[in-house]
Amino acid sequence: MPLKATSVRLDDETLSRVGQMAEAMDRPRAWLMAEAIKQYVAREEWFIHEVEKGIKAADEGRLLDHSDLKARWEAKRATQVG
């Protein structure tokens, strides 16, 4: 798939940090910025999807009582700590 150019405005400090990271990774600065954007978009898409699932569950009445959820969480933590 052909890549398309775009521009991003960054303050001097952020641009410097991006440049330092790219140099440390032996990658072009443009590669690092593209990778960061891809990861950000994937994470935000996941979050939006999960929120939509939660809203749908709530609309369908599939809810957990706070005390039940807290008990599940505490039980899970107890098995991980031990």
PDB file of N, CA and C in Angstrom:
ATOM      1  N   MET A   1       0.852  -1.168   0.000  1.00  0.00           N
ATOM      2  CA  MET A   1       0.000   0.000   0.000  1.00  0.00           C
ATOM      3  C   MET A   1       0.903   1.238   0.000  1.00  0.00           C
ATOM      4  N   PRO A   2       0.672   2.139  -0.935  1.00  0.00           N
ATOM      5  CA  PRO A   2       1.508   3.347  -0.977  1.00  0.00           C
ATOM      6  C   PRO A   2       1.254   4.236   0.235  1.00  0.00           C
ATOM      7  N   LEU A   3       2.311   4.829   0.703  1.00  0.00           N
ATOM      8  CA  LEU A   3       2.210   5.734   1.850  1.00  0.00           C
ATOM      9  C   LEU A   3       1.955   7.149   1.372  1.00  0.00           C
ATOM     10  N   LYS A   4       1.243   7.920   2.164  1.00  0.00           N
ATOM     11  CA  LYS A   4       0.974   9.314   1.837  1.00  0.00           C
ATOM     12  C   LYS A   4       1.624  10.197   2.877  1.00  0.00           C
ATOM     13  N   ALA A   5       2.151  11.292   2.420  1.00  0.00           N
ATOM     14  CA  ALA A   5       2.814  12.239   3.318  1.00  0.00           C
ATOM     15  C   ALA A   5       1.779  13.140   3.979  1.00  0.00           C
ATOM     16  N   THR A   6       2.085  13.528   5.187  1.00  0.00           N
ATOM     17  CA  THR A   6       1.278  14.504   5.915  1.00  0.00           C
ATOM     18  C   THR A   6       2.238  15.305   6.783  1.00  0.00           C
ATOM     19  N   SER A   7       1.762  16.332   7.392  1.00  0.00           N
ATOM     20  CA  SER A   7       2.644  17.093   8.268  1.00  0.00           C
ATOM     21  C   SER A   7       2.049  17.133   9.668  1.00  0.00           C
ATOM     22  N   VAL A   8       2.937  17.211  10.628  1.00  0.00           N
ATOM     23  CA  VAL A   8       2.550  17.280  12.027  1.00  0.00           C
ATOM     24  C   VAL A   8       3.331  18.420  12.653  1.00  0.00           C
ATOM     25  N   ARG A   9       2.650  19.253  13.390  1.00  0.00           N
ATOM     26  CA  ARG A   9       3.319  20.361  14.065  1.00  0.00           C
ATOM     27  C   ARG A   9       3.642  19.929  15.493  1.00  0.00           C
ATOM     28  N   LEU A  10       4.919  20.012  15.833  1.00  0.00           N
ATOM     29  CA  LEU A  10       5.383  19.641  17.164  1.00  0.00           C
ATOM     30  C   LEU A  10       6.214  20.767  17.748  1.00  0.00           C
ATOM     31  N   ASP A  11       6.168  20.900  19.062  1.00  0.00           N
ATOM     32  CA  ASP A  11       7.034  21.883  19.693  1.00  0.00           C
ATOM     33  C   ASP A  11       8.476  21.371  19.628  1.00  0.00           C
ATOM     34  N   ASP A  12       9.435  22.264  19.816  1.00  0.00           N
ATOM     35  CA  ASP A  12      10.854  21.922  19.672  1.00  0.00           C
ATOM     36  C   ASP A  12      11.271  20.775  20.583  1.00  0.00           C
ATOM     37  N   GLU A  13      10.807  20.801  21.829  1.00  0.00           N
ATOM     38  CA  GLU A  13      11.212  19.755  22.783  1.00  0.00           C
ATOM     39  C   GLU A  13      10.735  18.376  22.335  1.00  0.00           C
ATOM     40  N   THR A  14       9.468  18.278  21.929  1.00  0.00           N
ATOM     41  CA  THR A  14       8.926  16.985  21.498  1.00  0.00           C
ATOM     42  C   THR A  14       9.631  16.499  20.245  1.00  0.00           C
ATOM     43  N   LEU A  15       9.853  17.393  19.307  1.00  0.00           N
ATOM     44  CA  LEU A  15      10.544  17.010  18.078  1.00  0.00           C
ATOM     45  C   LEU A  15      11.957  16.523  18.381  1.00  0.00           C
ATOM     46  N   SER A  16      12.626  17.181  19.309  1.00  0.00           N
ATOM     47  CA  SER A  16      13.968  16.754  19.711  1.00  0.00           C
ATOM     48  C   SER A  16      13.932  15.364  20.335  1.00  0.00           C
ATOM     49  N   ARG A  17      12.948  15.136  21.187  1.00  0.00           N
ATOM     50  CA  ARG A  17      12.823  13.825  21.839  1.00  0.00           C
ATOM     51  C   ARG A  17      12.524  12.737  20.818  1.00  0.00           C
ATOM     52  N   VAL A  18      11.674  13.038  19.850  1.00  0.00           N
ATOM     53  CA  VAL A  18      11.376  12.078  18.783  1.00  0.00           C
ATOM     54  C   VAL A  18      12.658  11.769  18.009  1.00  0.00           C
ATOM     55  N   GLY A  19      13.414  12.802  17.704  1.00  0.00           N
ATOM     56  CA  GLY A  19      14.674  12.606  16.987  1.00  0.00           C
ATOM     57  C   GLY A  19      15.654  11.747  17.771  1.00  0.00           C
ATOM     58  N   GLN A  20      15.742  11.978  19.071  1.00  0.00           N
ATOM     59  CA  GLN A  20      16.640  11.185  19.912  1.00  0.00           C
ATOM     60  C   GLN A  20      16.201   9.721  19.958  1.00  0.00           C
ATOM     61  N   MET A  21      14.906   9.503  20.076  1.00  0.00           N
ATOM     62  CA  MET A  21      14.402   8.123  20.090  1.00  0.00           C
ATOM     63  C   MET A  21      14.666   7.434  18.760  1.00  0.00           C
ATOM     64  N   ALA A  22      14.391   8.133  17.675  1.00  0.00           N
ATOM     65  CA  ALA A  22      14.613   7.552  16.354  1.00  0.00           C
ATOM     66  C   ALA A  22      16.083   7.192  16.165  1.00  0.00           C
ATOM     67  N   GLU A  23      16.959   8.075  16.610  1.00  0.00           N
ATOM     68  CA  GLU A  23      18.392   7.811  16.498  1.00  0.00           C
ATOM     69  C   GLU A  23      18.780   6.595  17.337  1.00  0.00           C
ATOM     70  N   ALA A  24      18.257   6.501  18.552  1.00  0.00           N
ATOM     71  CA  ALA A  24      18.565   5.369  19.426  1.00  0.00           C
ATOM     72  C   ALA A  24      18.056   4.057  18.838  1.00  0.00           C
ATOM     73  N   MET A  25      16.967   4.127  18.095  1.00  0.00           N
ATOM     74  CA  MET A  25      16.380   2.923  17.493  1.00  0.00           C
ATOM     75  C   MET A  25      16.934   2.655  16.098  1.00  0.00           C
ATOM     76  N   ASP A  26      17.804   3.557  15.630  1.00  0.00           N
ATOM     77  CA  ASP A  26      18.367   3.465  14.282  1.00  0.00           C
ATOM     78  C   ASP A  26      17.262   3.400  13.226  1.00  0.00           C
ATOM     79  N   ARG A  27      16.293   4.283  13.396  1.00  0.00           N
ATOM     80  CA  ARG A  27      15.153   4.387  12.487  1.00  0.00           C
ATOM     81  C   ARG A  27      14.987   5.838  12.082  1.00  0.00           C
ATOM     82  N   PRO A  28      14.398   6.074  10.929  1.00  0.00           N
ATOM     83  CA  PRO A  28      14.095   7.465  10.555  1.00  0.00           C
ATOM     84  C   PRO A  28      13.029   8.049  11.474  1.00  0.00           C
ATOM     85  N   ARG A  29      13.107   9.340  11.672  1.00  0.00           N
ATOM     86  CA  ARG A  29      12.135  10.035  12.511  1.00  0.00           C
ATOM     87  C   ARG A  29      10.717   9.830  11.984  1.00  0.00           C
ATOM     88  N   ALA A  30      10.539   9.843  10.679  1.00  0.00           N
ATOM     89  CA  ALA A  30       9.208   9.651  10.087  1.00  0.00           C
ATOM     90  C   ALA A  30       8.657   8.263  10.415  1.00  0.00           C
ATOM     91  N   TRP A  31       9.525   7.246  10.441  1.00  0.00           N
ATOM     92  CA  TRP A  31       9.077   5.893  10.785  1.00  0.00           C
ATOM     93  C   TRP A  31       8.555   5.877  12.225  1.00  0.00           C
ATOM     94  N   LEU A  32       9.309   6.503  13.132  1.00  0.00           N
ATOM     95  CA  LEU A  32       8.923   6.516  14.535  1.00  0.00           C
ATOM     96  C   LEU A  32       7.582   7.223  14.722  1.00  0.00           C
ATOM     97  N   MET A  33       7.394   8.348  14.068  1.00  0.00           N
ATOM     98  CA  MET A  33       6.131   9.074  14.198  1.00  0.00           C
ATOM     99  C   MET A  33       4.977   8.267  13.610  1.00  0.00           C
ATOM    100  N   ALA A  34       5.195   7.613  12.471  1.00  0.00           N
ATOM    101  CA  ALA A  34       4.143   6.796  11.868  1.00  0.00           C
ATOM    102  C   ALA A  34       3.791   5.628  12.782  1.00  0.00           C
ATOM    103  N   GLU A  35       4.795   4.990  13.374  1.00  0.00           N
ATOM    104  CA  GLU A  35       4.552   3.872  14.289  1.00  0.00           C
ATOM    105  C   GLU A  35       3.786   4.335  15.523  1.00  0.00           C
ATOM    106  N   ALA A  36       4.155   5.481  16.062  1.00  0.00           N
ATOM    107  CA  ALA A  36       3.461   6.024  17.237  1.00  0.00           C
ATOM    108  C   ALA A  36       1.996   6.300  16.912  1.00  0.00           C
ATOM    109  N   ILE A  37       1.734   6.860  15.759  1.00  0.00           N
ATOM    110  CA  ILE A  37       0.351   7.162  15.364  1.00  0.00           C
ATOM    111  C   ILE A  37      -0.435   5.865  15.175  1.00  0.00           C
ATOM    112  N   LYS A  38       0.172   4.852  14.536  1.00  0.00           N
ATOM    113  CA  LYS A  38      -0.508   3.570  14.352  1.00  0.00           C
ATOM    114  C   LYS A  38      -0.896   2.964  15.695  1.00  0.00           C
ATOM    115  N   GLN A  39       0.031   2.967  16.641  1.00  0.00           N
ATOM    116  CA  GLN A  39      -0.250   2.388  17.958  1.00  0.00           C
ATOM    117  C   GLN A  39      -1.329   3.185  18.689  1.00  0.00           C
ATOM    118  N   TYR A  40      -1.265   4.498  18.598  1.00  0.00           N
ATOM    119  CA  TYR A  40      -2.272   5.351  19.243  1.00  0.00           C
ATOM    120  C   TYR A  40      -3.658   5.067  18.666  1.00  0.00           C
ATOM    121  N   VAL A  41      -3.757   5.016  17.344  1.00  0.00           N
ATOM    122  CA  VAL A  41      -5.049   4.785  16.696  1.00  0.00           C
ATOM    123  C   VAL A  41      -5.593   3.412  17.077  1.00  0.00           C
ATOM    124  N   ALA A  42      -4.750   2.395  17.084  1.00  0.00           N
ATOM    125  CA  ALA A  42      -5.197   1.049  17.458  1.00  0.00           C
ATOM    126  C   ALA A  42      -5.706   1.022  18.894  1.00  0.00           C
ATOM    127  N   ARG A  43      -4.982   1.666  19.806  1.00  0.00           N
ATOM    128  CA  ARG A  43      -5.386   1.693  21.210  1.00  0.00           C
ATOM    129  C   ARG A  43      -6.710   2.441  21.386  1.00  0.00           C
ATOM    130  N   GLU A  44      -6.864   3.567  20.726  1.00  0.00           N
ATOM    131  CA  GLU A  44      -8.092   4.349  20.857  1.00  0.00           C
ATOM    132  C   GLU A  44      -9.270   3.635  20.210  1.00  0.00           C
ATOM    133  N   GLU A  45      -9.045   2.958  19.079  1.00  0.00           N
ATOM    134  CA  GLU A  45     -10.123   2.185  18.459  1.00  0.00           C
ATOM    135  C   GLU A  45     -10.585   1.083  19.410  1.00  0.00           C
ATOM    136  N   TRP A  46      -9.631   0.395  20.060  1.00  0.00           N
ATOM    137  CA  TRP A  46      -9.971  -0.650  21.021  1.00  0.00           C
ATOM    138  C   TRP A  46     -10.813  -0.051  22.151  1.00  0.00           C
ATOM    139  N   PHE A  47     -10.375   1.081  22.687  1.00  0.00           N
ATOM    140  CA  PHE A  47     -11.078   1.719  23.801  1.00  0.00           C
ATOM    141  C   PHE A  47     -12.516   2.080  23.406  1.00  0.00           C
ATOM    142  N   ILE A  48     -12.673   2.701  22.241  1.00  0.00           N
ATOM    143  CA  ILE A  48     -14.009   3.094  21.768  1.00  0.00           C
ATOM    144  C   ILE A  48     -14.893   1.859  21.626  1.00  0.00           C
ATOM    145  N   HIS A  49     -14.328   0.789  21.061  1.00  0.00           N
ATOM    146  CA  HIS A  49     -15.084  -0.452  20.893  1.00  0.00           C
ATOM    147  C   HIS A  49     -15.527  -1.012  22.243  1.00  0.00           C
ATOM    148  N   GLU A  50     -14.624  -1.006  23.222  1.00  0.00           N
ATOM    149  CA  GLU A  50     -14.961  -1.526  24.546  1.00  0.00           C
ATOM    150  C   GLU A  50     -16.017  -0.661  25.230  1.00  0.00           C
ATOM    151  N   VAL A  51     -15.932   0.642  25.064  1.00  0.00           N
ATOM    152  CA  VAL A  51     -16.957   1.532  25.635  1.00  0.00           C
ATOM    153  C   VAL A  51     -18.308   1.245  24.982  1.00  0.00           C
ATOM    154  N   GLU A  52     -18.317   1.079  23.664  1.00  0.00           N
ATOM    155  CA  GLU A  52     -19.562   0.777  22.959  1.00  0.00           C
ATOM    156  C   GLU A  52     -20.155  -0.542  23.434  1.00  0.00           C
ATOM    157  N   LYS A  53     -19.289  -1.551  23.680  1.00  0.00           N
ATOM    158  CA  LYS A  53     -19.773  -2.823  24.220  1.00  0.00           C
ATOM    159  C   LYS A  53     -20.390  -2.620  25.595  1.00  0.00           C
ATOM    160  N   GLY A  54     -19.758  -1.800  26.422  1.00  0.00           N
ATOM    161  CA  GLY A  54     -20.284  -1.529  27.754  1.00  0.00           C
ATOM    162  C   GLY A  54     -21.622  -0.812  27.709  1.00  0.00           C
ATOM    163  N   ILE A  55     -21.738   0.145  26.827  1.00  0.00           N
ATOM    164  CA  ILE A  55     -23.004   0.876  26.676  1.00  0.00           C
ATOM    165  C   ILE A  55     -24.103  -0.074  26.214  1.00  0.00           C
ATOM    166  N   LYS A  56     -23.778  -0.940  25.255  1.00  0.00           N
ATOM    167  CA  LYS A  56     -24.762  -1.908  24.770  1.00  0.00           C
ATOM    168  C   LYS A  56     -25.196  -2.840  25.900  1.00  0.00           C
ATOM    169  N   ALA A  57     -24.231  -3.325  26.686  1.00  0.00           N
ATOM    170  CA  ALA A  57     -24.557  -4.210  27.801  1.00  0.00           C
ATOM    171  C   ALA A  57     -25.452  -3.488  28.801  1.00  0.00           C
ATOM    172  N   ALA A  58     -25.140  -2.244  29.087  1.00  0.00           N
ATOM    173  CA  ALA A  58     -25.961  -1.472  30.034  1.00  0.00           C
ATOM    174  C   ALA A  58     -27.365  -1.268  29.477  1.00  0.00           C
ATOM    175  N   ASP A  59     -27.447  -0.943  28.186  1.00  0.00           N
ATOM    176  CA  ASP A  59     -28.758  -0.752  27.561  1.00  0.00           C
ATOM    177  C   ASP A  59     -29.595  -2.029  27.618  1.00  0.00           C
ATOM    178  N   GLU A  60     -28.913  -3.189  27.581  1.00  0.00           N
ATOM    179  CA  GLU A  60     -29.610  -4.479  27.639  1.00  0.00           C
ATOM    180  C   GLU A  60     -29.841  -4.937  29.081  1.00  0.00           C
ATOM    181  N   GLY A  61     -29.419  -4.121  30.040  1.00  0.00           N
ATOM    182  CA  GLY A  61     -29.620  -4.463  31.440  1.00  0.00           C
ATOM    183  C   GLY A  61     -28.587  -5.416  32.011  1.00  0.00           C
ATOM    184  N   ARG A  62     -27.523  -5.679  31.260  1.00  0.00           N
ATOM    185  CA  ARG A  62     -26.463  -6.580  31.734  1.00  0.00           C
ATOM    186  C   ARG A  62     -25.452  -5.759  32.532  1.00  0.00           C
ATOM    187  N   LEU A  63     -25.735  -5.591  33.807  1.00  0.00           N
ATOM    188  CA  LEU A  63     -24.894  -4.790  34.681  1.00  0.00           C
ATOM    189  C   LEU A  63     -24.446  -5.619  35.877  1.00  0.00           C
ATOM    190  N   LEU A  64     -23.325  -5.224  36.461  1.00  0.00           N
ATOM    191  CA  LEU A  64     -22.844  -5.859  37.676  1.00  0.00           C
ATOM    192  C   LEU A  64     -23.001  -4.897  38.836  1.00  0.00           C
ATOM    193  N   ASP A  65     -23.417  -5.414  39.966  1.00  0.00           N
ATOM    194  CA  ASP A  65     -23.474  -4.623  41.171  1.00  0.00           C
ATOM    195  C   ASP A  65     -22.045  -4.306  41.605  1.00  0.00           C
ATOM    196  N   HIS A  66     -21.830  -3.109  42.129  1.00  0.00           N
ATOM    197  CA  HIS A  66     -20.485  -2.684  42.524  1.00  0.00           C
ATOM    198  C   HIS A  66     -19.847  -3.656  43.506  1.00  0.00           C
ATOM    199  N   SER A  67     -20.599  -4.119  44.482  1.00  0.00           N
ATOM    200  CA  SER A  67     -20.030  -5.033  45.483  1.00  0.00           C
ATOM    201  C   SER A  67     -19.626  -6.365  44.855  1.00  0.00           C
ATOM    202  N   ASP A  68     -20.387  -6.842  43.860  1.00  0.00           N
ATOM    203  CA  ASP A  68     -20.017  -8.079  43.158  1.00  0.00           C
ATOM    204  C   ASP A  68     -18.725  -7.891  42.371  1.00  0.00           C
ATOM    205  N   LEU A  69     -18.627  -6.772  41.692  1.00  0.00           N
ATOM    206  CA  LEU A  69     -17.426  -6.495  40.911  1.00  0.00           C
ATOM    207  C   LEU A  69     -16.216  -6.351  41.828  1.00  0.00           C
ATOM    208  N   LYS A  70     -16.393  -5.667  42.937  1.00  0.00           N
ATOM    209  CA  LYS A  70     -15.296  -5.494  43.897  1.00  0.00           C
ATOM    210  C   LYS A  70     -14.846  -6.847  44.436  1.00  0.00           C
ATOM    211  N   ALA A  71     -15.773  -7.720  44.747  1.00  0.00           N
ATOM    212  CA  ALA A  71     -15.441  -9.049  45.263  1.00  0.00           C
ATOM    213  C   ALA A  71     -14.672  -9.855  44.217  1.00  0.00           C
ATOM    214  N   ARG A  72     -15.104  -9.783  42.972  1.00  0.00           N
ATOM    215  CA  ARG A  72     -14.385 -10.489  41.889  1.00  0.00           C
ATOM    216  C   ARG A  72     -12.957  -9.961  41.766  1.00  0.00           C
ATOM    217  N   TRP A  73     -12.808  -8.638  41.799  1.00  0.00           N
ATOM    218  CA  TRP A  73     -11.493  -8.020  41.665  1.00  0.00           C
ATOM    219  C   TRP A  73     -10.584  -8.431  42.822  1.00  0.00           C
ATOM    220  N   GLU A  74     -11.107  -8.385  44.029  1.00  0.00           N
ATOM    221  CA  GLU A  74     -10.308  -8.753  45.199  1.00  0.00           C
ATOM    222  C   GLU A  74      -9.918 -10.225  45.160  1.00  0.00           C
ATOM    223  N   ALA A  75     -10.806 -11.083  44.701  1.00  0.00           N
ATOM    224  CA  ALA A  75     -10.479 -12.511  44.575  1.00  0.00           C
ATOM    225  C   ALA A  75      -9.383 -12.724  43.542  1.00  0.00           C
ATOM    226  N   LYS A  76      -9.458 -11.999  42.448  1.00  0.00           N
ATOM    227  CA  LYS A  76      -8.433 -12.117  41.399  1.00  0.00           C
ATOM    228  C   LYS A  76      -7.082 -11.638  41.924  1.00  0.00           C
ATOM    229  N   ARG A  77      -7.086 -10.518  42.620  1.00  0.00           N
ATOM    230  CA  ARG A  77      -5.834  -9.992  43.186  1.00  0.00           C
ATOM    231  C   ARG A  77      -5.239 -10.957  44.193  1.00  0.00           C
ATOM    232  N   ALA A  78      -6.082 -11.580  44.997  1.00  0.00           N
ATOM    233  CA  ALA A  78      -5.608 -12.513  46.027  1.00  0.00           C
ATOM    234  C   ALA A  78      -4.886 -13.702  45.404  1.00  0.00           C
ATOM    235  N   THR A  79      -5.356 -14.157  44.238  1.00  0.00           N
ATOM    236  CA  THR A  79      -4.703 -15.293  43.594  1.00  0.00           C
ATOM    237  C   THR A  79      -3.406 -14.879  42.932  1.00  0.00           C
ATOM    238  N   GLN A  80      -3.273 -13.625  42.537  1.00  0.00           N
ATOM    239  CA  GLN A  80      -2.056 -13.146  41.883  1.00  0.00           C
ATOM    240  C   GLN A  80      -0.971 -12.801  42.877  1.00  0.00           C
ATOM    241  N   VAL A  81      -1.329 -12.317  44.041  1.00  0.00           N
ATOM    242  CA  VAL A  81      -0.359 -11.883  45.044  1.00  0.00           C
ATOM    243  C   VAL A  81       0.290 -13.082  45.712  1.00  0.00           C
ATOM    244  N   GLY A  82      -0.509 -14.085  46.014  1.00  0.00           N
ATOM    245  CA  GLY A  82      -0.060 -15.257  46.766  1.00  0.00           C
ATOM    246  C   GLY A  82       0.969 -16.024  46.057  1.00  0.00           C
TER     247      GLY A  82
END
